[in-house]
N, C-alpha and C. Protein backbone atom coordinates (compact mmCIF):
# COMPACT_ATOMS: atom_id res chain seq x y z
N MET A 1 -23.76 -0.58 15.96
CA MET A 1 -23.00 -0.76 14.74
C MET A 1 -21.60 -0.16 14.93
N ASN A 2 -20.57 -0.82 14.40
CA ASN A 2 -19.20 -0.34 14.52
C ASN A 2 -18.96 0.87 13.62
N GLU A 3 -18.23 1.82 14.15
CA GLU A 3 -17.89 3.02 13.38
C GLU A 3 -16.59 2.76 12.63
N ILE A 4 -16.54 3.14 11.37
CA ILE A 4 -15.33 2.98 10.57
C ILE A 4 -14.53 4.26 10.66
N VAL A 5 -13.24 4.13 11.02
CA VAL A 5 -12.35 5.28 11.14
C VAL A 5 -11.24 5.12 10.11
N LEU A 6 -11.07 6.12 9.26
CA LEU A 6 -10.02 6.09 8.25
C LEU A 6 -8.89 7.01 8.68
N ASP A 7 -7.68 6.46 8.74
CA ASP A 7 -6.51 7.24 9.11
C ASP A 7 -5.42 7.06 8.06
N THR A 8 -4.60 8.07 7.88
CA THR A 8 -3.42 7.95 7.03
C THR A 8 -2.35 7.20 7.82
N LYS A 9 -1.74 6.21 7.19
CA LYS A 9 -0.71 5.42 7.87
C LYS A 9 0.49 5.24 6.97
N ILE A 10 1.64 5.11 7.56
CA ILE A 10 2.85 4.74 6.85
C ILE A 10 2.74 3.26 6.53
N VAL A 11 3.13 2.87 5.32
CA VAL A 11 2.97 1.48 4.89
C VAL A 11 3.59 0.52 5.91
N GLY A 12 4.75 0.84 6.44
CA GLY A 12 5.42 -0.04 7.39
C GLY A 12 4.69 -0.18 8.72
N ASP A 13 3.75 0.72 8.99
CA ASP A 13 2.99 0.67 10.25
C ASP A 13 1.69 -0.13 10.14
N ILE A 14 1.37 -0.59 8.93
CA ILE A 14 0.13 -1.35 8.74
C ILE A 14 0.35 -2.78 9.20
N THR A 15 -0.50 -3.22 10.10
CA THR A 15 -0.39 -4.58 10.62
C THR A 15 -1.73 -5.27 10.52
N GLY A 16 -1.71 -6.56 10.66
CA GLY A 16 -2.96 -7.31 10.65
C GLY A 16 -2.94 -8.42 9.63
N THR A 17 -4.00 -9.14 9.60
CA THR A 17 -4.18 -10.21 8.64
C THR A 17 -5.25 -9.78 7.65
N PHE A 18 -4.94 -9.89 6.39
CA PHE A 18 -5.86 -9.44 5.36
C PHE A 18 -6.20 -10.61 4.45
N PHE A 19 -7.44 -10.72 4.07
CA PHE A 19 -7.90 -11.81 3.22
C PHE A 19 -8.68 -11.22 2.05
N VAL A 20 -8.28 -11.61 0.85
CA VAL A 20 -9.01 -11.20 -0.34
C VAL A 20 -9.63 -12.46 -0.93
N PRO A 21 -10.95 -12.55 -0.95
CA PRO A 21 -11.61 -13.75 -1.46
C PRO A 21 -11.24 -14.04 -2.91
N SER A 22 -11.25 -15.29 -3.28
CA SER A 22 -10.86 -15.69 -4.63
C SER A 22 -11.79 -15.10 -5.69
N TYR A 23 -13.03 -14.77 -5.33
CA TYR A 23 -13.94 -14.22 -6.33
C TYR A 23 -13.52 -12.83 -6.80
N GLN A 24 -12.53 -12.23 -6.14
CA GLN A 24 -12.02 -10.94 -6.59
C GLN A 24 -11.23 -11.08 -7.88
N GLY A 25 -10.90 -12.31 -8.23
CA GLY A 25 -10.26 -12.61 -9.51
C GLY A 25 -9.02 -11.79 -9.78
N GLY A 26 -9.03 -11.05 -10.87
CA GLY A 26 -7.87 -10.27 -11.30
C GLY A 26 -7.48 -9.14 -10.38
N TYR A 27 -8.34 -8.83 -9.43
CA TYR A 27 -8.03 -7.74 -8.51
C TYR A 27 -7.24 -8.23 -7.29
N ARG A 28 -6.99 -9.51 -7.24
CA ARG A 28 -6.27 -10.08 -6.10
C ARG A 28 -4.77 -9.99 -6.35
N TRP A 29 -4.06 -9.33 -5.46
CA TRP A 29 -2.62 -9.16 -5.60
C TRP A 29 -1.89 -10.09 -4.65
N GLY A 30 -0.76 -10.58 -5.11
CA GLY A 30 0.11 -11.39 -4.27
C GLY A 30 1.28 -10.55 -3.78
N LYS A 31 2.20 -11.19 -3.09
CA LYS A 31 3.36 -10.49 -2.53
C LYS A 31 4.19 -9.80 -3.62
N GLU A 32 4.38 -10.48 -4.74
CA GLU A 32 5.20 -9.91 -5.82
C GLU A 32 4.60 -8.62 -6.38
N GLU A 33 3.29 -8.60 -6.58
CA GLU A 33 2.64 -7.39 -7.12
C GLU A 33 2.74 -6.22 -6.15
N VAL A 34 2.57 -6.48 -4.87
CA VAL A 34 2.67 -5.42 -3.86
C VAL A 34 4.10 -4.90 -3.79
N GLU A 35 5.08 -5.80 -3.79
CA GLU A 35 6.49 -5.37 -3.75
C GLU A 35 6.84 -4.55 -4.98
N ARG A 36 6.34 -4.95 -6.15
CA ARG A 36 6.61 -4.21 -7.39
C ARG A 36 6.00 -2.81 -7.31
N LEU A 37 4.78 -2.71 -6.81
CA LEU A 37 4.13 -1.40 -6.67
C LEU A 37 4.93 -0.49 -5.74
N LEU A 38 5.36 -1.03 -4.60
CA LEU A 38 6.12 -0.21 -3.64
C LEU A 38 7.46 0.21 -4.23
N LEU A 39 8.13 -0.69 -4.94
CA LEU A 39 9.42 -0.36 -5.55
C LEU A 39 9.24 0.73 -6.61
N LEU A 40 8.23 0.59 -7.45
CA LEU A 40 7.98 1.61 -8.47
C LEU A 40 7.58 2.95 -7.85
N SER A 41 6.87 2.91 -6.74
CA SER A 41 6.47 4.15 -6.06
C SER A 41 7.69 4.87 -5.52
N VAL A 42 8.60 4.12 -4.90
CA VAL A 42 9.83 4.72 -4.37
C VAL A 42 10.66 5.27 -5.51
N PHE A 43 10.80 4.51 -6.60
CA PHE A 43 11.56 4.98 -7.75
C PHE A 43 10.97 6.27 -8.30
N TYR A 44 9.64 6.33 -8.41
CA TYR A 44 8.98 7.53 -8.92
C TYR A 44 9.27 8.74 -8.04
N VAL A 45 9.16 8.57 -6.74
CA VAL A 45 9.40 9.68 -5.81
C VAL A 45 10.84 10.16 -5.91
N LEU A 46 11.79 9.21 -5.92
CA LEU A 46 13.20 9.60 -5.99
C LEU A 46 13.56 10.26 -7.32
N SER A 47 12.99 9.78 -8.42
CA SER A 47 13.33 10.34 -9.73
C SER A 47 12.59 11.65 -10.03
N SER A 48 11.53 11.93 -9.32
CA SER A 48 10.75 13.15 -9.60
C SER A 48 11.23 14.35 -8.81
N GLY A 49 12.09 14.12 -7.84
CA GLY A 49 12.59 15.22 -7.03
C GLY A 49 11.66 15.64 -5.92
N ILE A 50 10.60 14.90 -5.71
CA ILE A 50 9.66 15.19 -4.63
C ILE A 50 10.34 14.92 -3.30
N SER A 51 10.27 15.85 -2.39
CA SER A 51 10.87 15.66 -1.07
C SER A 51 9.81 15.15 -0.10
N PHE A 52 9.98 13.93 0.36
CA PHE A 52 9.03 13.37 1.31
C PHE A 52 9.55 13.46 2.74
N LEU A 53 10.72 14.05 2.93
CA LEU A 53 11.30 14.19 4.26
C LEU A 53 10.78 15.43 4.98
N ARG A 54 10.04 16.27 4.30
CA ARG A 54 9.55 17.51 4.91
C ARG A 54 8.38 17.29 5.86
N TYR A 55 7.79 16.11 5.87
CA TYR A 55 6.61 15.87 6.69
C TYR A 55 7.01 15.49 8.05
């Protein structure tokens, strides 16, 4: 049996082909939803004063 390994990754380093079956319905995100989430995440970090450059 294959072992599942979970690692922390930078979003830009994630590669591969991902498929979300249509039966996932409302949980299926398209390109626009992902881009909106990333933009809001960056806005939140910049507006909150959190320093992410320390890592």
